[in-house]
Amino acid sequence: MSFRLEGPVMEGALVRLEPLSHAHAADLAAAAEEDRGSYDFTWVPRSAEIGEYIDAQHARAAAGKLAPYAQVSIASGRAVGATAYWDPRLWPDGDRLCAIEVGFTWLAASAQGTGVNAEAKLLLLRHAFETWEVERVDMKTDARNLRSRAALAKIGAHFEGVLRRWSPSWAPGEDGLLRDSAMFSVVGPEWPHCRAKLEARLSGIPRGGGAGQGRPRFE
């Protein structure tokens, strides 16, 4: 039987990752409209587009390309953003996953800098490396998004370079254009170090997810 991309529910102290569904729509519509000032380089639907956004993610999932998640705050019980596994690559036998991307990530303004996204990355990477036993996890961001690039480097992801005109741009006024993408990865031998860095960062964040802990950014 060939590998089928399906992500399980994953829960930490700050966030629970639940497979994305229309049950999350109302929460996500509110989350997306809190303050859009940090979304210059990130695809975040408007509140009126949430239903279509969920349908589009489900279509990608049906094609075997995506396992989309809602990021649900443990403290509030509300969905505060989204993320996903994306672009699975298999070994030649087709039965085992060798690499995958983590992306399609966004968070409400009130959830940024609280540790929610850092813990979500820990959960996603841990499942990929320790359950699926992948050799590589990719992450990428708009090359102009310096805050996102710095945050990816802080978790131990390796900067591999910039691929020119690689991905659709989400920057205002750039509809239909391609952006330069800064490419990062974590490979199998690096995972223990990356995991330790994430766990160390999270150990200093109050379990209530206080917003005064800085604003790490992951795209």
Protein backbone atom coordinates (compact mmCIF):
# COMPACT_ATOMS: atom_id res chain seq x y z
CA MET A 1 0.00 0.00 0.00
CA SER A 2 1.39 3.41 -0.97
CA PHE A 3 1.86 6.20 1.54
CA ARG A 4 -1.22 8.37 2.14
CA LEU A 5 -0.74 11.87 3.52
CA GLU A 6 -2.96 12.19 6.57
CA GLY A 7 -1.95 14.19 9.61
CA PRO A 8 -3.18 13.13 13.06
CA VAL A 9 -4.39 15.43 15.83
CA MET A 10 -1.33 16.66 17.75
CA GLU A 11 -1.46 18.46 21.08
CA GLY A 12 1.05 20.35 23.17
CA ALA A 13 0.76 22.64 26.17
CA LEU A 14 -0.16 25.72 24.11
CA VAL A 15 -1.66 24.48 20.86
CA ARG A 16 -3.63 21.59 19.46
CA LEU A 17 -3.32 20.90 15.74
CA GLU A 18 -6.64 19.65 14.38
CA PRO A 19 -7.33 18.63 10.77
CA LEU A 20 -8.84 21.72 9.18
CA SER A 21 -12.62 21.67 8.79
CA HIS A 22 -15.54 24.04 8.34
CA ALA A 23 -16.11 23.73 12.10
CA HIS A 24 -13.12 26.08 12.43
CA ALA A 25 -14.51 28.65 9.99
CA ALA A 26 -16.03 31.14 12.44
CA ASP A 27 -12.92 31.21 14.63
CA LEU A 28 -10.61 31.58 11.63
CA ALA A 29 -12.73 34.36 10.14
CA ALA A 30 -12.32 36.32 13.38
CA ALA A 31 -8.62 35.46 13.67
CA ALA A 32 -7.85 36.62 10.13
CA GLU A 33 -9.31 40.08 10.74
CA GLU A 34 -7.72 40.94 14.12
CA ASP A 35 -4.83 42.95 12.68
CA ARG A 36 -3.50 42.22 9.20
CA GLY A 37 -0.41 44.38 9.53
CA SER A 38 1.98 41.40 9.65
CA TYR A 39 0.58 39.62 6.56
CA ASP A 40 2.47 41.49 3.84
CA PHE A 41 4.20 38.33 2.62
CA THR A 42 1.78 35.65 3.84
CA TRP A 43 -1.36 34.17 2.30
CA VAL A 44 -4.17 34.86 4.78
CA PRO A 45 -7.79 34.86 3.57
CA ARG A 46 -10.20 37.61 4.47
CA SER A 47 -13.07 36.63 6.76
CA ALA A 48 -15.52 36.38 3.86
CA GLU A 49 -13.15 34.03 2.03
CA ILE A 50 -12.67 31.48 4.81
CA GLY A 51 -15.20 28.98 3.42
CA GLU A 52 -13.54 29.04 -0.01
CA TYR A 53 -10.12 28.84 1.64
CA ILE A 54 -11.08 25.68 3.55
CA ASP A 55 -12.58 24.15 0.39
CA ALA A 56 -9.36 24.90 -1.53
CA GLN A 57 -7.25 23.26 1.17
CA HIS A 58 -9.54 20.23 1.16
CA ALA A 59 -9.15 19.98 -2.63
CA ARG A 60 -5.37 19.93 -2.24
CA ALA A 61 -5.76 17.28 0.46
CA ALA A 62 -7.98 15.15 -1.80
CA ALA A 63 -5.24 15.25 -4.44
CA GLY A 64 -2.75 13.92 -1.89
CA LYS A 65 -0.75 17.15 -1.83
CA LEU A 66 -1.64 18.57 1.57
CA ALA A 67 -2.62 17.78 5.16
CA PRO A 68 -4.11 21.06 6.43
CA TYR A 69 -4.49 21.98 10.08
CA ALA A 70 -6.21 24.54 12.26
CA GLN A 71 -4.04 25.80 15.10
CA VAL A 72 -6.29 25.74 18.17
CA SER A 73 -5.25 27.63 21.30
CA ILE A 74 -5.34 25.40 24.37
CA ALA A 75 -6.03 28.44 26.56
CA SER A 76 -9.10 29.68 24.66
CA GLY A 77 -10.23 26.59 22.75
CA ARG A 78 -10.49 28.72 19.61
CA ALA A 79 -8.80 28.28 16.25
CA VAL A 80 -6.22 31.07 15.95
CA GLY A 81 -4.58 30.18 12.64
CA ALA A 82 -3.65 27.46 10.21
CA THR A 83 -0.69 25.42 9.03
CA ALA A 84 -0.09 22.30 6.92
CA TYR A 85 2.09 19.50 5.71
CA TRP A 86 2.63 20.05 2.01
CA ASP A 87 4.31 18.52 -1.06
CA PRO A 88 5.10 14.97 0.15
CA ARG A 89 7.93 13.21 -1.68
CA LEU A 90 8.19 9.43 -1.60
CA TRP A 91 11.01 6.96 -1.94
CA PRO A 92 10.99 5.16 -5.32
CA ASP A 93 9.02 2.21 -3.88
CA GLY A 94 6.12 4.60 -3.24
CA ASP A 95 5.43 3.18 0.22
CA ARG A 96 7.50 5.48 2.38
CA LEU A 97 7.79 9.23 2.78
CA CYS A 98 11.28 10.65 2.40
CA ALA A 99 10.61 14.40 2.58
CA ILE A 100 7.84 16.91 3.16
CA GLU A 101 7.29 20.65 3.52
CA VAL A 102 5.71 22.54 6.40
CA GLY A 103 3.92 25.66 5.20
CA PHE A 104 0.63 27.47 4.58
CA THR A 105 1.13 28.92 8.08
CA TRP A 106 -0.57 31.97 9.53
CA LEU A 107 -1.67 33.14 12.97
CA ALA A 108 -3.98 35.76 14.39
CA ALA A 109 -2.16 38.83 15.61
CA SER A 110 -3.05 38.02 19.23
CA ALA A 111 -1.45 34.56 18.94
CA GLN A 112 1.81 35.76 17.44
CA GLY A 113 4.71 35.82 19.87
CA THR A 114 2.94 33.58 22.40
CA GLY A 115 4.78 30.34 21.64
CA VAL A 116 1.84 28.81 19.76
CA ASN A 117 3.63 28.73 16.42
CA ALA A 118 6.92 27.52 17.91
CA GLU A 119 5.13 24.63 19.56
CA ALA A 120 3.21 23.86 16.37
CA LYS A 121 6.52 23.60 14.52
CA LEU A 122 7.83 21.27 17.21
CA LEU A 123 4.76 19.02 16.88
CA LEU A 124 4.89 18.97 13.07
CA LEU A 125 8.62 18.34 12.84
CA ARG A 126 8.57 15.70 15.58
CA HIS A 127 5.82 13.73 13.85
CA ALA A 128 7.58 13.98 10.49
CA PHE A 129 10.96 12.82 11.78
CA GLU A 130 9.96 10.41 14.53
CA THR A 131 6.78 8.80 13.17
CA TRP A 132 7.06 9.10 9.40
CA GLU A 133 10.88 8.88 9.65
CA VAL A 134 11.49 11.40 6.90
CA GLU A 135 14.98 12.46 5.92
CA ARG A 136 14.10 16.10 5.28
CA VAL A 137 11.53 18.79 6.11
CA ASP A 138 11.41 21.92 3.95
CA MET A 139 10.27 25.40 4.92
CA LYS A 140 10.29 28.47 2.73
CA THR A 141 9.33 32.12 2.91
CA ASP A 142 9.37 35.22 0.74
CA ALA A 143 13.03 36.21 0.46
CA ARG A 144 12.09 39.74 1.57
CA ASN A 145 10.55 38.51 4.83
CA LEU A 146 13.57 39.02 7.05
CA ARG A 147 11.68 38.37 10.28
CA SER A 148 10.50 34.97 9.06
CA ARG A 149 13.97 34.07 7.81
CA ALA A 150 15.52 34.96 11.16
CA ALA A 151 12.94 32.88 13.02
CA LEU A 152 13.53 29.84 10.85
CA ALA A 153 17.25 30.12 11.46
CA LYS A 154 16.65 30.33 15.22
CA ILE A 155 15.01 26.90 15.34
CA GLY A 156 18.01 25.36 13.64
CA ALA A 157 16.68 25.22 10.09
CA HIS A 158 19.48 25.47 7.53
CA PHE A 159 19.35 28.27 4.96
CA GLU A 160 19.93 26.75 1.54
CA GLY A 161 19.72 29.84 -0.65
CA VAL A 162 17.18 31.83 -2.64
CA LEU A 163 15.31 30.37 -5.59
CA ARG A 164 14.39 33.15 -7.95
CA ARG A 165 10.77 33.50 -9.12
CA TRP A 166 9.90 30.25 -7.33
CA SER A 167 6.53 30.71 -5.61
CA PRO A 168 3.38 32.83 -6.05
CA SER A 169 3.74 36.19 -4.35
CA TRP A 170 1.25 37.18 -1.65
CA ALA A 171 2.58 40.73 -1.36
CA PRO A 172 0.08 43.55 -2.01
CA GLY A 173 -0.02 44.56 -5.65
CA GLU A 174 1.79 41.43 -6.84
CA ASP A 175 -1.17 39.25 -7.86
CA GLY A 176 -0.14 36.84 -10.60
CA LEU A 177 3.57 37.40 -10.01
CA LEU A 178 6.20 35.03 -8.68
CA ARG A 179 8.39 35.84 -5.71
CA ASP A 180 11.94 34.88 -4.82
CA SER A 181 11.76 32.22 -2.08
CA ALA A 182 14.28 31.75 0.70
CA MET A 183 14.64 28.01 1.20
CA PHE A 184 15.28 26.34 4.56
CA SER A 185 15.42 22.73 5.65
CA VAL A 186 16.01 20.41 8.57
CA VAL A 187 17.48 17.03 7.69
CA GLY A 188 17.51 13.89 9.77
CA PRO A 189 20.91 14.28 11.48
CA GLU A 190 20.01 17.87 12.45
CA TRP A 191 16.67 17.04 14.01
CA PRO A 192 17.90 16.30 17.58
CA HIS A 193 19.61 19.71 17.72
CA CYS A 194 16.59 21.45 16.21
CA ARG A 195 14.25 19.72 18.64
CA ALA A 196 16.42 20.76 21.60
CA LYS A 197 16.39 24.40 20.43
CA LEU A 198 12.60 24.44 20.13
CA GLU A 199 12.10 22.75 23.49
CA ALA A 200 14.49 25.22 25.13
CA ARG A 201 12.59 28.18 23.66
CA LEU A 202 9.25 26.80 24.79
CA SER A 203 10.51 26.06 28.32
CA GLY A 204 10.80 29.80 28.93
CA ILE A 205 7.23 30.60 27.88
CA PRO A 206 4.49 30.58 30.54
CA ARG A 207 1.90 27.89 29.91
CA GLY A 208 -0.65 30.63 29.50
CA GLY A 209 1.19 31.72 26.39
CA GLY A 210 1.87 35.27 27.57
CA ALA A 211 2.28 37.72 24.72
CA GLY A 212 5.27 39.37 26.32
CA GLN A 213 7.62 36.61 25.21
CA GLY A 214 8.69 38.22 21.96
CA ARG A 215 7.32 37.49 18.49
CA PRO A 216 8.99 34.52 16.79
CA ARG A 217 7.85 34.23 13.20
CA PHE A 218 7.52 31.09 11.13
CA GLU A 219 6.05 31.12 7.64
